[in-house]
Structures are given as C-alpha cells and as structure tokens.
Amino acid sequence: NQNGTVSDIGSDVLDAAQETFQEDVETVKNQIESVIEAVHASIQAGLQSVNTGVRL
C-alpha cells in the first residue's frame, strides 16, 4: 500500500523531529539553569562583600 508507506515515512520524520526538539528544549533548559545558578552565585558573592564592607 503506497499510501501507508508515505504516511509511515511522514510519521517517522515527525517522531525524529519531535525527539530532536525535545533534546533541544532539554539543552536550553540546562543552559538557563546554569545561567541562573551563576547569577545567583554572583549575587551571593556580592551580598557577602557588601556585608563584609558593612562590618568593616
């Protein structure tokens, strides 16, 4: 059945595209989390030095 084959190929392509998209989303999510952690760390460091400055 020619039709079946075409739609099978179509759905395979869609599945592959969806998997790739999922991986991209994961990657972006991880990058955002890393950035947030870095920002948080530098805010903490900034607060620490402000506190130290106040104490001095």
N, C-alpha and C. Protein backbone atom coordinates (compact mmCIF):
# COMPACT_ATOMS: atom_id res chain seq x y z
N ASN A 1 0.85 -1.21 0.00
CA ASN A 1 0.00 0.00 0.00
C ASN A 1 0.88 1.25 0.00
N GLN A 2 0.89 1.93 -1.12
CA GLN A 2 1.75 3.10 -1.30
C GLN A 2 1.44 4.18 -0.25
N ASN A 3 0.16 4.39 -0.02
CA ASN A 3 -0.28 5.41 0.92
C ASN A 3 0.28 5.17 2.31
N GLY A 4 0.16 3.93 2.77
CA GLY A 4 0.66 3.56 4.09
C GLY A 4 2.13 3.90 4.24
N THR A 5 2.90 3.57 3.21
CA THR A 5 4.34 3.81 3.24
C THR A 5 4.63 5.30 3.41
N VAL A 6 3.94 6.11 2.62
CA VAL A 6 4.17 7.56 2.67
C VAL A 6 3.86 8.09 4.06
N SER A 7 2.72 7.68 4.62
CA SER A 7 2.36 8.20 5.94
C SER A 7 3.29 7.63 7.02
N ASP A 8 3.78 6.40 6.83
CA ASP A 8 4.75 5.84 7.77
C ASP A 8 6.02 6.68 7.78
N ILE A 9 6.51 6.98 6.57
CA ILE A 9 7.71 7.81 6.47
C ILE A 9 7.44 9.16 7.12
N GLY A 10 6.27 9.73 6.83
CA GLY A 10 5.89 11.02 7.41
C GLY A 10 5.92 10.99 8.92
N SER A 11 5.35 9.94 9.50
CA SER A 11 5.29 9.89 10.96
C SER A 11 6.67 9.62 11.56
N ASP A 12 7.51 8.85 10.83
CA ASP A 12 8.89 8.65 11.29
C ASP A 12 9.63 9.98 11.35
N VAL A 13 9.45 10.76 10.29
CA VAL A 13 10.10 12.08 10.23
C VAL A 13 9.59 12.95 11.38
N LEU A 14 8.29 12.93 11.62
CA LEU A 14 7.72 13.72 12.71
C LEU A 14 8.28 13.27 14.06
N ASP A 15 8.35 11.95 14.25
CA ASP A 15 8.89 11.42 15.51
C ASP A 15 10.32 11.90 15.73
N ALA A 16 11.13 11.80 14.67
CA ALA A 16 12.52 12.21 14.77
C ALA A 16 12.62 13.70 15.09
N ALA A 17 11.78 14.49 14.40
CA ALA A 17 11.79 15.94 14.64
C ALA A 17 11.40 16.25 16.07
N GLN A 18 10.42 15.52 16.58
CA GLN A 18 9.95 15.76 17.94
C GLN A 18 11.04 15.40 18.96
N GLU A 19 11.73 14.29 18.73
CA GLU A 19 12.81 13.89 19.62
C GLU A 19 13.90 14.94 19.65
N THR A 20 14.27 15.43 18.45
CA THR A 20 15.31 16.47 18.36
C THR A 20 14.86 17.71 19.11
N PHE A 21 13.61 18.09 18.91
CA PHE A 21 13.07 19.27 19.58
C PHE A 21 13.13 19.10 21.08
N GLN A 22 12.75 17.89 21.57
CA GLN A 22 12.77 17.59 23.00
C GLN A 22 14.19 17.76 23.54
N GLU A 23 15.16 17.24 22.80
CA GLU A 23 16.56 17.34 23.24
C GLU A 23 17.01 18.79 23.28
N ASP A 24 16.60 19.56 22.27
CA ASP A 24 16.95 20.98 22.24
C ASP A 24 16.37 21.70 23.44
N VAL A 25 15.11 21.39 23.75
CA VAL A 25 14.45 22.02 24.91
C VAL A 25 15.22 21.67 26.18
N GLU A 26 15.61 20.41 26.32
CA GLU A 26 16.38 19.99 27.49
C GLU A 26 17.68 20.78 27.58
N THR A 27 18.38 20.88 26.45
CA THR A 27 19.66 21.60 26.41
C THR A 27 19.48 23.04 26.84
N VAL A 28 18.48 23.70 26.25
CA VAL A 28 18.21 25.10 26.57
C VAL A 28 17.87 25.24 28.04
N LYS A 29 17.05 24.32 28.56
CA LYS A 29 16.66 24.36 29.97
C LYS A 29 17.89 24.25 30.86
N ASN A 30 18.79 23.34 30.51
CA ASN A 30 20.02 23.17 31.29
C ASN A 30 20.88 24.42 31.24
N GLN A 31 20.96 25.05 30.05
CA GLN A 31 21.76 26.27 29.92
C GLN A 31 21.17 27.39 30.77
N ILE A 32 19.84 27.51 30.74
CA ILE A 32 19.18 28.55 31.53
C ILE A 32 19.43 28.31 33.01
N GLU A 33 19.34 27.05 33.43
CA GLU A 33 19.58 26.73 34.84
C GLU A 33 21.00 27.08 35.24
N SER A 34 21.97 26.80 34.35
CA SER A 34 23.37 27.15 34.64
C SER A 34 23.53 28.65 34.79
N VAL A 35 22.90 29.40 33.89
CA VAL A 35 22.98 30.86 33.95
C VAL A 35 22.39 31.36 35.25
N ILE A 36 21.21 30.83 35.61
CA ILE A 36 20.55 31.26 36.86
C ILE A 36 21.45 30.96 38.05
N GLU A 37 22.07 29.77 38.04
CA GLU A 37 22.97 29.41 39.14
C GLU A 37 24.15 30.38 39.21
N ALA A 38 24.70 30.72 38.06
CA ALA A 38 25.84 31.64 38.03
C ALA A 38 25.45 33.02 38.55
N VAL A 39 24.28 33.49 38.09
CA VAL A 39 23.80 34.80 38.55
C VAL A 39 23.58 34.76 40.06
N HIS A 40 22.94 33.69 40.51
CA HIS A 40 22.67 33.53 41.94
C HIS A 40 23.96 33.54 42.74
N ALA A 41 24.96 32.81 42.23
CA ALA A 41 26.25 32.75 42.91
C ALA A 41 26.90 34.13 42.99
N SER A 42 26.83 34.88 41.91
CA SER A 42 27.46 36.21 41.94
C SER A 42 26.68 37.18 42.82
N ILE A 43 25.36 37.02 42.88
CA ILE A 43 24.57 37.85 43.80
C ILE A 43 24.97 37.52 45.24
N GLN A 44 25.09 36.23 45.53
CA GLN A 44 25.50 35.81 46.87
C GLN A 44 26.86 36.41 47.21
N ALA A 45 27.79 36.32 46.26
CA ALA A 45 29.13 36.86 46.48
C ALA A 45 29.07 38.37 46.70
N GLY A 46 28.22 39.04 45.91
CA GLY A 46 28.05 40.48 46.06
C GLY A 46 27.50 40.83 47.43
N LEU A 47 26.49 40.10 47.87
CA LEU A 47 25.90 40.34 49.19
C LEU A 47 26.94 40.10 50.28
N GLN A 48 27.72 39.05 50.08
CA GLN A 48 28.76 38.73 51.05
C GLN A 48 29.74 39.90 51.20
N SER A 49 30.20 40.45 50.08
CA SER A 49 31.17 41.54 50.15
C SER A 49 30.52 42.81 50.70
N VAL A 50 29.23 43.02 50.41
CA VAL A 50 28.53 44.16 50.99
C VAL A 50 28.46 43.99 52.50
N ASN A 51 28.10 42.80 52.96
CA ASN A 51 28.04 42.53 54.39
C ASN A 51 29.39 42.73 55.05
N THR A 52 30.44 42.24 54.39
CA THR A 52 31.79 42.40 54.91
C THR A 52 32.14 43.89 54.99
N GLY A 53 31.80 44.63 53.95
CA GLY A 53 32.05 46.07 53.92
C GLY A 53 31.34 46.77 55.06
N VAL A 54 30.10 46.35 55.32
CA VAL A 54 29.33 46.97 56.41
C VAL A 54 30.00 46.66 57.75
N ARG A 55 30.46 45.44 57.89
CA ARG A 55 31.09 45.05 59.16
C ARG A 55 32.38 45.83 59.39
N LEU A 56 33.16 46.00 58.31
CA LEU A 56 34.38 46.77 58.45
C LEU A 56 33.96 48.20 58.74
